[in-house]
């Protein structure tokens, strides 16, 4: 220390100043990250479609696995299914009318069933193109 001509008090004060600057930088990064996350959440929530379902209503379920084995004329919607229970935060319990099997899905994957045969929609489109 004597060789480098350091004063311990000055070096200690300089180190404390550096630590305070580092803490300010961390705080600024934390606030910036928090603001960014809030902005992304607001954007995501605006893109969600508000859907109100009730027990007993018939719905169609979007088949997201269809992209693995795409079919030009296959319908992406399966069903109809009956809503057994509406759970909080958008979760919905569905029941298959034929097998009485139940499972829980995200409400964003559902749309109201208005009637008609789901499978014949793609067939009708095919027949109209010919």
Protein backbone atom coordinates (compact mmCIF):
# COMPACT_ATOMS: atom_id res chain seq x y z
CA UNK A 1 0.00 0.00 0.00
CA UNK A 2 2.77 2.43 0.83
CA UNK A 3 4.55 1.50 -2.40
CA UNK A 4 1.52 2.43 -4.52
CA UNK A 5 0.89 5.54 -2.41
CA UNK A 6 -2.75 4.60 -1.57
CA UNK A 7 -4.61 6.34 1.16
CA UNK A 8 -6.94 3.80 2.80
CA UNK A 9 -9.65 6.39 3.56
CA UNK A 10 -9.75 7.71 -0.02
CA UNK A 11 -9.76 4.17 -1.48
CA UNK A 12 -12.56 3.16 0.92
CA UNK A 13 -14.66 6.19 -0.02
CA UNK A 14 -14.10 5.47 -3.71
CA UNK A 15 -15.17 1.85 -3.22
CA UNK A 16 -18.34 2.93 -1.39
CA UNK A 17 -19.14 5.33 -4.23
CA UNK A 18 -18.71 2.51 -6.78
CA UNK A 19 -21.01 0.21 -4.76
CA UNK A 20 -23.70 2.92 -4.63
CA UNK A 21 -23.45 3.41 -8.40
CA UNK A 22 -23.77 -0.33 -8.93
CA UNK A 23 -26.84 -0.42 -6.68
CA UNK A 24 -28.41 2.47 -8.64
CA UNK A 25 -27.72 0.64 -11.91
CA UNK A 26 -29.35 -2.55 -10.56
CA UNK A 27 -32.38 -0.58 -9.36
CA UNK A 28 -32.74 1.10 -12.77
CA UNK A 29 -32.52 -2.29 -14.55
CA UNK A 30 -35.14 -3.75 -12.18
CA UNK A 31 -37.55 -0.85 -12.81
CA UNK A 32 -37.01 -1.04 -16.56
CA UNK A 33 -37.70 -4.79 -16.54
CA UNK A 34 -40.83 -4.27 -14.44
CA UNK A 35 -42.18 -1.63 -16.86
CA UNK A 36 -41.44 -3.88 -19.86
CA UNK A 37 -43.26 -6.84 -18.29
CA UNK A 38 -46.29 -4.68 -17.52
CA UNK A 39 -46.34 -3.41 -21.11
CA UNK A 40 -46.13 -6.94 -22.57
CA UNK A 41 -48.86 -8.18 -20.20
CA UNK A 42 -51.14 -5.31 -21.22
CA UNK A 43 -50.54 -6.12 -24.92
CA UNK A 44 -51.21 -9.84 -24.33
CA UNK A 45 -54.38 -9.19 -22.34
CA UNK A 46 -55.73 -6.90 -25.08
CA UNK A 47 -55.35 -9.73 -27.60
CA UNK A 48 -57.44 -12.14 -25.51
CA UNK A 49 -61.05 -12.46 -26.55
CA UNK A 50 -63.52 -12.20 -23.70
CA UNK A 51 -65.85 -15.18 -23.89
CA UNK A 52 -68.59 -15.99 -21.43
CA UNK A 53 -69.56 -19.63 -21.24
CA UNK A 54 -72.13 -21.28 -18.98
CA UNK A 55 -72.66 -24.91 -17.90
CA UNK A 56 -74.80 -26.89 -20.32
CA UNK A 57 -73.76 -24.84 -23.36
CA UNK A 58 -72.44 -26.68 -26.42
CA UNK A 59 -69.03 -25.63 -27.73
CA UNK A 60 -66.42 -26.61 -30.31
CA UNK A 61 -62.81 -27.29 -29.30
CA UNK A 62 -59.89 -26.04 -31.43
CA UNK A 63 -57.55 -28.90 -32.33
CA UNK A 64 -54.07 -27.38 -32.02
CA UNK A 65 -52.32 -30.68 -32.85
CA UNK A 66 -53.69 -30.65 -36.37
CA UNK A 67 -50.63 -28.72 -37.53
CA UNK A 68 -48.48 -31.83 -37.08
CA UNK A 69 -50.54 -33.77 -39.64
CA UNK A 70 -52.17 -31.08 -41.76
CA UNK A 71 -55.07 -31.97 -43.97
CA UNK A 72 -56.34 -29.47 -46.48
CA UNK A 73 -59.98 -30.17 -45.85
CA UNK A 74 -59.86 -31.28 -42.23
CA UNK A 75 -61.75 -29.12 -39.81
CA UNK A 76 -59.61 -27.63 -37.04
CA UNK A 77 -62.58 -27.78 -34.68
CA UNK A 78 -63.84 -30.92 -32.96
CA UNK A 79 -67.02 -31.44 -31.06
CA UNK A 80 -69.61 -30.49 -30.09
CA UNK A 81 -68.92 -30.87 -26.38
CA UNK A 82 -71.01 -29.81 -23.40
CA UNK A 83 -69.62 -27.49 -20.74
CA UNK A 84 -69.83 -29.21 -17.38
CA UNK A 85 -68.26 -26.52 -15.20
CA UNK A 86 -66.72 -23.07 -15.65
CA UNK A 87 -63.68 -22.69 -13.40
CA UNK A 88 -61.94 -19.45 -12.44
CA UNK A 89 -59.31 -17.78 -14.66
CA UNK A 90 -60.69 -19.13 -17.94
CA UNK A 91 -60.45 -22.89 -17.32
CA UNK A 92 -63.46 -24.86 -18.53
CA UNK A 93 -64.37 -28.48 -17.85
CA UNK A 94 -65.81 -30.19 -20.93
CA UNK A 95 -67.82 -33.38 -21.18
CA UNK A 96 -68.07 -35.61 -24.25
CA UNK A 97 -71.72 -36.48 -24.80
CA UNK A 98 -71.02 -39.98 -26.13
CA UNK A 99 -68.40 -41.33 -23.73
CA UNK A 100 -69.18 -39.10 -20.70
CA UNK A 101 -65.44 -38.41 -20.47
CA UNK A 102 -64.47 -35.04 -18.93
CA UNK A 103 -61.35 -32.88 -19.15
CA UNK A 104 -60.29 -29.30 -18.47
CA UNK A 105 -59.23 -26.94 -21.27
CA UNK A 106 -58.39 -23.27 -21.70
CA UNK A 107 -61.47 -21.20 -22.60
CA UNK A 108 -59.53 -19.46 -25.40
CA UNK A 109 -59.59 -22.75 -27.36
CA UNK A 110 -63.41 -22.85 -27.42
CA UNK A 111 -66.12 -21.25 -29.50
CA UNK A 112 -69.89 -21.55 -29.22
CA UNK A 113 -71.52 -24.34 -31.24
CA UNK A 114 -74.33 -23.01 -33.41
CA UNK A 115 -75.56 -26.33 -34.84
CA UNK A 116 -74.84 -28.46 -37.88
CA UNK A 117 -72.29 -31.17 -38.51
CA UNK A 118 -68.68 -30.09 -37.98
CA UNK A 119 -67.15 -32.75 -40.24
CA UNK A 120 -69.37 -31.96 -43.26
CA UNK A 121 -68.23 -28.34 -43.41
CA UNK A 122 -64.93 -29.35 -45.04
CA UNK A 123 -66.72 -31.84 -47.30
CA UNK A 124 -69.13 -29.16 -48.52
CA UNK A 125 -66.23 -26.86 -49.33
CA UNK A 126 -64.58 -29.65 -51.32
CA UNK A 127 -67.74 -30.43 -53.26
CA UNK A 128 -68.30 -26.76 -54.07
CA UNK A 129 -64.79 -26.42 -55.52
CA UNK A 130 -65.37 -29.17 -58.08
